Protein backbone atom coordinates (compact mmCIF):
# COMPACT_ATOMS: atom_id res chain seq x y z
CA UNK A 1 -0.45 -0.06 -0.27
CA UNK A 2 3.10 2.32 0.37
CA UNK A 3 4.01 1.36 -3.38
CA UNK A 4 0.66 1.96 -4.71
CA UNK A 5 -1.85 4.11 -2.81
CA UNK A 6 -5.18 2.30 -4.59
CA UNK A 7 -7.14 5.35 -2.83
CA UNK A 8 -5.78 7.13 -5.69
CA UNK A 9 -7.97 5.39 -8.39
CA UNK A 10 -11.34 6.82 -9.99
CA UNK A 11 -10.10 10.28 -8.44
CA UNK A 12 -8.27 11.87 -11.45
CA UNK A 13 -10.41 14.05 -13.70
CA UNK A 14 -10.44 11.99 -17.34
CA UNK A 15 -8.17 14.95 -18.89
CA UNK A 16 -5.18 13.47 -16.95
CA UNK A 17 -5.56 10.38 -19.14
CA UNK A 18 -6.63 12.71 -21.89
CA UNK A 19 -3.47 14.95 -21.65
CA UNK A 20 -0.91 12.06 -22.56
CA UNK A 21 -3.27 10.77 -25.25
CA UNK A 22 -2.76 14.86 -26.77
CA UNK A 23 0.96 14.82 -26.11
CA UNK A 24 1.53 11.69 -27.49
CA UNK A 25 -0.46 12.72 -31.29
CA UNK A 26 1.51 16.38 -30.83
CA UNK A 27 4.88 14.30 -30.30
CA UNK A 28 4.58 12.18 -33.21
CA UNK A 29 3.11 14.90 -35.63
CA UNK A 30 -0.27 13.61 -35.63
CA UNK A 31 -2.04 16.30 -33.52
CA UNK A 32 -4.76 18.80 -34.91
CA UNK A 33 -5.31 22.39 -34.15
CA UNK A 34 -7.46 21.48 -31.35
CA UNK A 35 -5.09 19.48 -29.73
CA UNK A 36 -2.60 22.39 -29.57
CA UNK A 37 -5.17 24.84 -28.30
CA UNK A 38 -6.28 22.17 -25.69
CA UNK A 39 -2.81 21.18 -24.28
CA UNK A 40 -2.06 24.85 -24.28
CA UNK A 41 -5.13 25.67 -22.23
CA UNK A 42 -3.94 22.73 -19.76
CA UNK A 43 -0.76 23.93 -19.16
CA UNK A 44 -1.94 27.12 -18.34
CA UNK A 45 -4.03 25.85 -15.72
CA UNK A 46 -2.19 25.67 -12.51
CA UNK A 47 -4.78 23.62 -10.83
CA UNK A 48 -4.70 21.29 -13.40
CA UNK A 49 -1.27 21.26 -13.80
CA UNK A 50 -0.76 20.51 -9.82
CA UNK A 51 -3.49 17.40 -10.31
CA UNK A 52 -1.23 16.51 -13.71
CA UNK A 53 1.95 16.33 -11.25
CA UNK A 54 0.45 13.87 -8.79
CA UNK A 55 -1.05 11.48 -11.66
CA UNK A 56 2.21 11.37 -13.05
CA UNK A 57 3.71 10.46 -10.00
CA UNK A 58 0.89 8.09 -9.53
CA UNK A 59 1.15 6.34 -12.88
CA UNK A 60 5.19 6.54 -13.17
CA UNK A 61 6.78 3.73 -11.13
CA UNK A 62 3.94 0.89 -13.30
CA UNK A 63 4.84 2.52 -16.06
CA UNK A 64 8.67 2.32 -16.10
CA UNK A 65 8.32 -1.35 -14.34
CA UNK A 66 6.57 -2.46 -17.41
CA UNK A 67 8.89 -1.43 -20.07
CA UNK A 68 11.42 -2.95 -17.81
CA UNK A 69 9.97 -6.20 -17.97
CA UNK A 70 8.63 -6.54 -21.24
CA UNK A 71 9.57 -9.88 -22.79
CA UNK A 72 11.72 -10.45 -20.36
CA UNK A 73 10.58 -13.90 -18.62
CA UNK A 74 13.10 -14.23 -16.24
CA UNK A 75 12.61 -10.59 -14.85
CA UNK A 76 12.00 -10.41 -10.87
CA UNK A 77 11.44 -6.97 -10.37
CA UNK A 78 11.42 -5.00 -6.86
CA UNK A 79 9.73 -1.54 -6.88
CA UNK A 80 11.11 1.34 -4.73
CA UNK A 81 8.92 4.14 -3.65
CA UNK A 82 11.49 7.14 -3.50
CA UNK A 83 9.37 9.84 -4.42
CA UNK A 84 5.66 10.81 -2.92
CA UNK A 85 3.00 10.48 -5.24
CA UNK A 86 1.61 13.87 -3.62
CA UNK A 87 3.82 16.59 -2.84
CA UNK A 88 4.17 16.58 1.32
CA UNK A 89 4.46 20.19 0.82
CA UNK A 90 2.31 21.54 -1.53
CA UNK A 91 2.89 25.11 -2.99
CA UNK A 92 6.05 25.51 -1.90
CA UNK A 93 8.65 25.97 -4.67
CA UNK A 94 11.18 27.82 -2.81
CA UNK A 95 14.16 25.91 -1.26
CA UNK A 96 14.58 28.84 1.29
CA UNK A 97 11.14 27.34 2.62
CA UNK A 98 12.03 23.97 3.03
CA UNK A 99 16.11 24.26 3.88
CA UNK A 100 17.20 23.04 7.01
CA UNK A 101 18.44 25.67 9.67
CA UNK A 102 22.06 24.94 8.74
CA UNK A 103 21.85 25.82 4.94
CA UNK A 104 19.20 28.84 6.52
CA UNK A 105 21.98 29.94 9.00
CA UNK A 106 24.67 29.73 6.38
CA UNK A 107 22.85 31.54 3.87
CA UNK A 108 21.98 34.30 5.75
CA UNK A 109 25.44 34.87 6.77
CA UNK A 110 27.02 34.65 3.49
CA UNK A 111 26.14 38.09 2.69
CA UNK A 112 27.16 37.87 -1.08
CA UNK A 113 30.67 35.80 0.02
CA UNK A 114 30.96 33.67 -3.48
CA UNK A 115 32.69 31.33 -1.50
CA UNK A 116 29.94 31.29 1.68
CA UNK A 117 27.12 30.73 -0.68
CA UNK A 118 28.77 27.76 -2.48
CA UNK A 119 29.42 26.47 0.98
CA UNK A 120 25.66 26.84 2.07
CA UNK A 121 25.09 25.16 -1.62
CA UNK A 122 27.33 22.27 -0.70
CA UNK A 123 25.72 21.45 2.40
CA UNK A 124 22.36 21.82 0.87
CA UNK A 125 23.40 18.99 -1.86
CA UNK A 126 24.80 16.32 0.46
CA UNK A 127 21.86 16.76 2.86
CA UNK A 128 19.61 16.45 -0.09
CA UNK A 129 21.36 13.35 -1.95
CA UNK A 130 21.68 11.56 1.48
CA UNK A 131 18.14 10.29 1.28
CA UNK A 132 19.45 8.68 -1.68
CA UNK A 133 22.07 6.35 0.35
CA UNK A 134 19.78 4.02 2.14
CA UNK A 135 18.54 3.31 -1.48
CA UNK A 136 21.65 2.53 -3.01
CA UNK A 137 22.34 -0.15 0.30
CA UNK A 138 19.34 -1.74 -0.27
CA UNK A 139 20.06 -2.43 -3.90
CA UNK A 140 23.29 -3.77 -2.98
CA UNK A 141 22.00 -5.95 -0.11
CA UNK A 142 19.25 -7.65 -2.57
CA UNK A 143 21.94 -8.08 -5.12
CA UNK A 144 19.94 -6.96 -8.12
CA UNK A 145 21.92 -6.79 -11.39
CA UNK A 146 20.26 -3.83 -12.81
CA UNK A 147 18.39 -0.54 -11.41
CA UNK A 148 16.14 1.82 -13.26
CA UNK A 149 16.37 5.52 -12.41
CA UNK A 150 13.78 7.40 -13.90
CA UNK A 151 14.16 10.17 -11.58
CA UNK A 152 16.53 13.14 -11.47
CA UNK A 153 17.07 16.70 -10.85
CA UNK A 154 18.36 19.03 -13.15
CA UNK A 155 20.01 22.56 -13.68
CA UNK A 156 16.89 23.86 -15.48
CA UNK A 157 14.63 22.41 -12.64
CA UNK A 158 16.87 23.66 -9.82
CA UNK A 159 16.88 27.44 -11.04
CA UNK A 160 13.30 28.36 -9.83
CA UNK A 161 13.99 26.60 -6.36
CA UNK A 162 17.01 27.91 -5.26
CA UNK A 163 16.03 31.63 -6.03
CA UNK A 164 14.67 32.22 -2.85
CA UNK A 165 17.65 30.92 -0.94
CA UNK A 166 20.12 32.88 -3.13
CA UNK A 167 17.92 35.84 -2.14
CA UNK A 168 19.03 35.68 1.29
CA UNK A 169 22.45 34.70 0.51
CA UNK A 170 23.15 37.50 -1.74
CA UNK A 171 21.04 40.13 0.13
CA UNK A 172 19.42 41.12 -3.31
CA UNK A 173 17.22 39.30 -5.73
CA UNK A 174 19.97 37.08 -8.11
CA UNK A 175 20.60 38.27 -11.39
CA UNK A 176 20.05 35.85 -14.28
CA UNK A 177 23.85 35.15 -14.67
CA UNK A 178 24.11 34.49 -10.60
CA UNK A 179 21.20 32.27 -11.11
CA UNK A 180 22.76 30.12 -13.65
CA UNK A 181 26.20 29.96 -12.38
CA UNK A 182 25.18 29.02 -8.77
CA UNK A 183 22.76 26.82 -9.93
CA UNK A 184 24.95 24.85 -12.02
CA UNK A 185 27.70 24.31 -9.20
CA UNK A 186 24.70 23.37 -6.89
CA UNK A 187 23.82 20.69 -9.26
CA UNK A 188 27.52 19.83 -10.00
CA UNK A 189 27.69 19.35 -5.93
CA UNK A 190 24.34 17.33 -6.03
CA UNK A 191 25.91 14.96 -8.40
CA UNK A 192 29.08 14.35 -6.47
CA UNK A 193 26.85 13.88 -3.08
CA UNK A 194 24.41 11.87 -4.93
CA UNK A 195 27.24 8.81 -5.53
CA UNK A 196 25.94 7.34 -2.43
CA UNK A 197 23.34 6.05 -4.42
CA UNK A 198 25.44 3.67 -7.27
CA UNK A 199 28.70 3.15 -4.49
CA UNK A 200 26.92 0.48 -2.19
CA UNK A 201 26.06 -1.76 -5.00
CA UNK A 202 28.85 -2.02 -7.32
CA UNK A 203 27.77 -5.34 -8.83
CA UNK A 204 24.27 -3.42 -9.96
CA UNK A 205 24.61 -1.73 -12.80
CA UNK A 206 22.32 1.91 -12.75
CA UNK A 207 20.40 2.83 -15.68
CA UNK A 208 19.77 6.35 -15.53
CA UNK A 209 17.54 8.79 -17.45
CA UNK A 210 19.30 11.45 -19.03
CA UNK A 211 16.66 14.34 -18.31
CA UNK A 212 13.47 16.13 -20.07
CA UNK A 213 15.18 19.66 -20.48
CA UNK A 214 16.29 18.99 -23.73
CA UNK A 215 19.70 20.52 -22.33
CA UNK A 216 23.36 19.35 -22.90
CA UNK A 217 24.31 17.69 -19.68
CA UNK A 218 28.15 18.48 -20.34
CA UNK A 219 27.27 22.08 -19.57
CA UNK A 220 24.25 22.08 -17.17
CA UNK A 221 24.63 18.76 -15.17
CA UNK A 222 21.47 17.03 -14.26
CA UNK A 223 21.68 14.50 -11.06
CA UNK A 224 21.91 11.13 -11.34
CA UNK A 225 22.27 11.31 -14.88
CA UNK A 226 25.75 12.76 -14.55
CA UNK A 227 27.33 10.33 -12.20
CA UNK A 228 30.02 8.33 -14.02
CA UNK A 229 31.10 5.38 -12.48
CA UNK A 230 31.70 1.43 -14.02
CA UNK A 231 28.32 0.83 -12.53
CA UNK A 232 26.17 3.60 -14.16
CA UNK A 233 25.08 4.15 -17.69
CA UNK A 234 23.14 6.92 -19.06
CA UNK A 235 20.17 7.18 -21.51
CA UNK A 236 18.85 9.91 -23.76
CA UNK A 237 15.33 9.38 -25.78
CA UNK A 238 14.69 9.03 -29.13
CA UNK A 239 11.48 9.54 -31.56
CA UNK A 240 11.52 6.05 -32.40
CA UNK A 241 14.66 5.47 -34.49
CA UNK A 242 14.69 8.91 -36.84
CA UNK A 243 15.56 11.52 -34.84
CA UNK A 244 16.87 12.78 -31.16
CA UNK A 245 13.49 13.64 -29.40
CA UNK A 246 13.04 17.47 -28.60
CA UNK A 247 12.91 17.14 -25.00
CA UNK A 248 15.67 14.87 -24.35
CA UNK A 249 18.61 15.77 -22.71
CA UNK A 250 22.08 14.60 -24.54
CA UNK A 251 25.35 15.05 -23.98
CA UNK A 252 28.56 13.83 -25.80
CA UNK A 253 30.46 13.13 -22.51
CA UNK A 254 27.80 12.73 -20.12
CA UNK A 255 25.30 10.60 -21.63
CA UNK A 256 26.26 6.92 -22.93
CA UNK A 257 23.33 5.51 -25.33
CA UNK A 258 19.78 6.53 -26.64
CA UNK A 259 16.61 4.48 -26.44
CA UNK A 260 13.00 5.15 -27.79
CA UNK A 261 10.97 7.53 -25.36
CA UNK A 262 8.33 9.32 -27.80
CA UNK A 263 4.69 7.76 -27.25
CA UNK A 264 5.80 4.44 -25.42
CA UNK A 265 2.93 2.39 -24.35
CA UNK A 266 3.23 0.53 -20.89
CA UNK A 267 1.16 -0.44 -17.84
CA UNK A 268 -0.49 1.95 -15.00
CA UNK A 269 -2.63 1.33 -12.59
CA UNK A 270 -5.91 0.34 -12.30
CA UNK A 271 -5.48 -2.29 -15.01
CA UNK A 272 -4.72 -0.22 -18.01
CA UNK A 273 -2.04 0.74 -20.98
CA UNK A 274 -1.30 4.32 -21.68
CA UNK A 275 1.31 5.73 -23.90
CA UNK A 276 4.17 8.26 -22.18
CA UNK A 277 7.02 10.05 -23.69
CA UNK A 278 10.16 10.89 -21.79
CA UNK A 279 13.65 9.68 -20.64
CA UNK A 280 11.91 8.07 -18.12
CA UNK A 281 10.70 5.74 -20.84
CA UNK A 282 13.96 5.59 -22.60
CA UNK A 283 15.87 4.55 -19.62
CA UNK A 284 14.14 0.75 -18.83
CA UNK A 285 13.87 0.20 -22.64
CA UNK A 286 17.74 0.09 -21.77
CA UNK A 287 17.26 -1.75 -18.43
CA UNK A 288 14.96 -4.39 -19.82
CA UNK A 289 18.06 -4.82 -22.65
CA UNK A 290 20.31 -5.41 -19.77
CA UNK A 291 18.41 -7.81 -17.83
CA UNK A 292 18.21 -9.68 -21.35
CA UNK A 293 21.84 -9.43 -21.74
CA UNK A 294 22.69 -10.71 -18.13
CA UNK A 295 20.10 -13.48 -19.00
CA UNK A 296 22.21 -14.64 -22.03
CA UNK A 297 25.53 -14.57 -20.18
CA UNK A 298 25.52 -14.11 -16.50
CA UNK A 299 28.81 -14.11 -15.79
CA UNK A 300 29.38 -10.35 -17.61
CA UNK A 301 30.94 -8.08 -15.41
CA UNK A 302 28.75 -4.34 -15.39
CA UNK A 303 31.89 -3.16 -17.78
CA UNK A 304 31.20 -6.08 -19.88
CA UNK A 305 27.68 -4.99 -20.54
CA UNK A 306 28.50 -1.90 -20.77
CA UNK A 307 30.72 -2.39 -23.42
CA UNK A 308 28.07 -4.78 -25.26
CA UNK A 309 25.25 -2.36 -24.90
CA UNK A 310 27.54 0.46 -26.41
CA UNK A 311 28.95 -1.70 -28.99
CA UNK A 312 25.78 -3.20 -30.66
CA UNK A 313 24.33 -0.19 -31.19
CA UNK A 314 22.38 1.15 -34.27
CA UNK A 315 24.71 4.30 -35.22
CA UNK A 316 22.85 7.18 -35.82
CA UNK A 317 24.41 10.55 -37.85
CA UNK A 318 21.46 12.50 -35.56
CA UNK A 319 23.23 11.13 -32.33
CA UNK A 320 26.73 11.93 -33.43
CA UNK A 321 28.11 14.18 -31.08
CA UNK A 322 24.77 13.86 -28.60
CA UNK A 323 25.60 10.76 -27.14
CA UNK A 324 29.16 8.53 -26.18
CA UNK A 325 28.01 5.52 -28.22
CA UNK A 326 26.15 7.89 -31.46
CA UNK A 327 23.70 5.35 -31.41
CA UNK A 328 20.34 3.44 -30.11
CA UNK A 329 20.45 0.59 -28.05
CA UNK A 330 19.55 -2.46 -30.37
CA UNK A 331 18.53 -5.14 -27.60
CA UNK A 332 18.63 -7.93 -30.28
CA UNK A 333 22.32 -7.49 -31.62
CA UNK A 334 23.24 -7.06 -27.66
CA UNK A 335 21.75 -10.19 -26.47
CA UNK A 336 23.23 -12.24 -29.40
CA UNK A 337 26.85 -10.58 -28.65
CA UNK A 338 26.19 -11.74 -25.10
CA UNK A 339 25.33 -14.97 -25.95
CA UNK A 340 28.25 -15.53 -28.01
CA UNK A 341 30.70 -14.33 -25.35
CA UNK A 342 30.15 -17.03 -23.86
CA UNK A 343 32.60 -19.12 -26.35
CA UNK A 344 34.52 -16.02 -27.65
CA UNK A 345 36.06 -12.48 -26.60
CA UNK A 346 33.82 -9.86 -26.12
CA UNK A 347 34.88 -7.71 -29.12
CA UNK A 348 34.50 -10.75 -31.16
CA UNK A 349 31.17 -11.47 -30.17
CA UNK A 350 30.31 -7.42 -30.90
CA UNK A 351 31.72 -7.81 -34.33
CA UNK A 352 29.85 -11.10 -35.47
CA UNK A 353 26.32 -9.97 -33.50
CA UNK A 354 26.50 -6.73 -35.83
CA UNK A 355 27.31 -8.66 -38.94
CA UNK A 356 24.42 -10.95 -38.28
CA UNK A 357 21.95 -8.47 -36.91
CA UNK A 358 20.64 -5.33 -38.72
CA UNK A 359 19.79 -1.78 -37.69
CA UNK A 360 15.95 -1.45 -36.84
CA UNK A 361 14.35 0.51 -39.60
CA UNK A 362 12.51 3.58 -38.97
CA UNK A 363 9.23 3.43 -38.05
CA UNK A 364 6.74 4.04 -41.27
CA UNK A 365 4.02 5.14 -38.42
CA UNK A 366 5.58 8.12 -37.73
CA UNK A 367 4.08 9.77 -40.78
CA UNK A 368 5.90 13.41 -40.12
CA UNK A 369 8.48 15.01 -37.24
CA UNK A 370 7.62 17.53 -35.25
CA UNK A 371 10.42 20.67 -34.65
CA UNK A 372 11.28 20.77 -31.36
CA UNK A 373 10.48 24.30 -31.02
CA UNK A 374 6.72 22.83 -31.74
CA UNK A 375 7.23 20.23 -29.26
CA UNK A 376 8.67 21.96 -26.45
CA UNK A 377 7.19 22.29 -23.29
CA UNK A 378 5.00 19.24 -23.52
CA UNK A 379 6.97 16.79 -21.55
CA UNK A 380 7.00 16.97 -17.80
CA UNK A 381 10.10 16.98 -16.17
CA UNK A 382 11.74 13.81 -14.39
CA UNK A 383 10.14 13.31 -10.89
CA UNK A 384 12.85 14.52 -8.31
CA UNK A 385 13.11 13.42 -4.57
CA UNK A 386 13.94 17.17 -4.12
């Protein structure tokens, strides 16, 4: 009852369900002018957006779990609830109202001193990220081979949250340049502190969503997506096999692979299915692939799995300079390489699999592709533990 609060069933407006249907049509380039007018009106309705955020949190874990386990007969799912379905602090969007007394004292005493402000932000980052430590320890203790992380905190998402705290520390409203600089520093510190998520589970491969801000993680960090460790892999979202999704974060150094993340159908509470878009949906596509790779050869290390995933991608020109592998995960090819790696070196298995399994062809059902500006703003940010 803590993982799935059934008291929410039947309590949401039908428009919450309709929102994702309309969103999918628009992202696929199949939406009408009425769809555009309707969704813009809904996005301007603060009361509706509040309910939509709760609804999105309610369906999110079930949707991600369904993708993770699709066609994976040996999958055993362990679902961890780390983000409340409904925010315990409704209406509060300012860290100056929720930060600990220690952080507030440090911020008030900074008086515009950059070094002291950064000390306060570093303390806040450490306190926030400590909530992830017991999760990492639990995952490690349960010996999970793969953990899907479709959540995160981005620089873009932090900026409005940080404004009030910076006003206390600077003793004036922060300029856009100050807000950008301190937000980037703050999220960089969150990334460092968030290593407590992956460090206690070295034998688990953490598959992490890159973020839904359409920004470059190399320049504007996102946590935990920017954790670079032997047991992490970060995933961008694509529009089928045709283009990088307009909402997807990317990064030639910080994002490893891409996977489909537009209009993905999966399970939601109430014995229903729904199409949802986001890097939250791209990450479990890769989690699913990792599970199948490990099923094919359980003796592979995390580094071996990453080598196979990145070495067997469908390389795409539109992903060059956007993700480290320049490609979209090809599950069938990766699983074949994994199976063959039991009898030959991994590099040879990858080469053989690339010969035997073709790239996935672009989808015929996507009649047109929306430009980034048209699709901008339709996809909600990653759920955050803040």
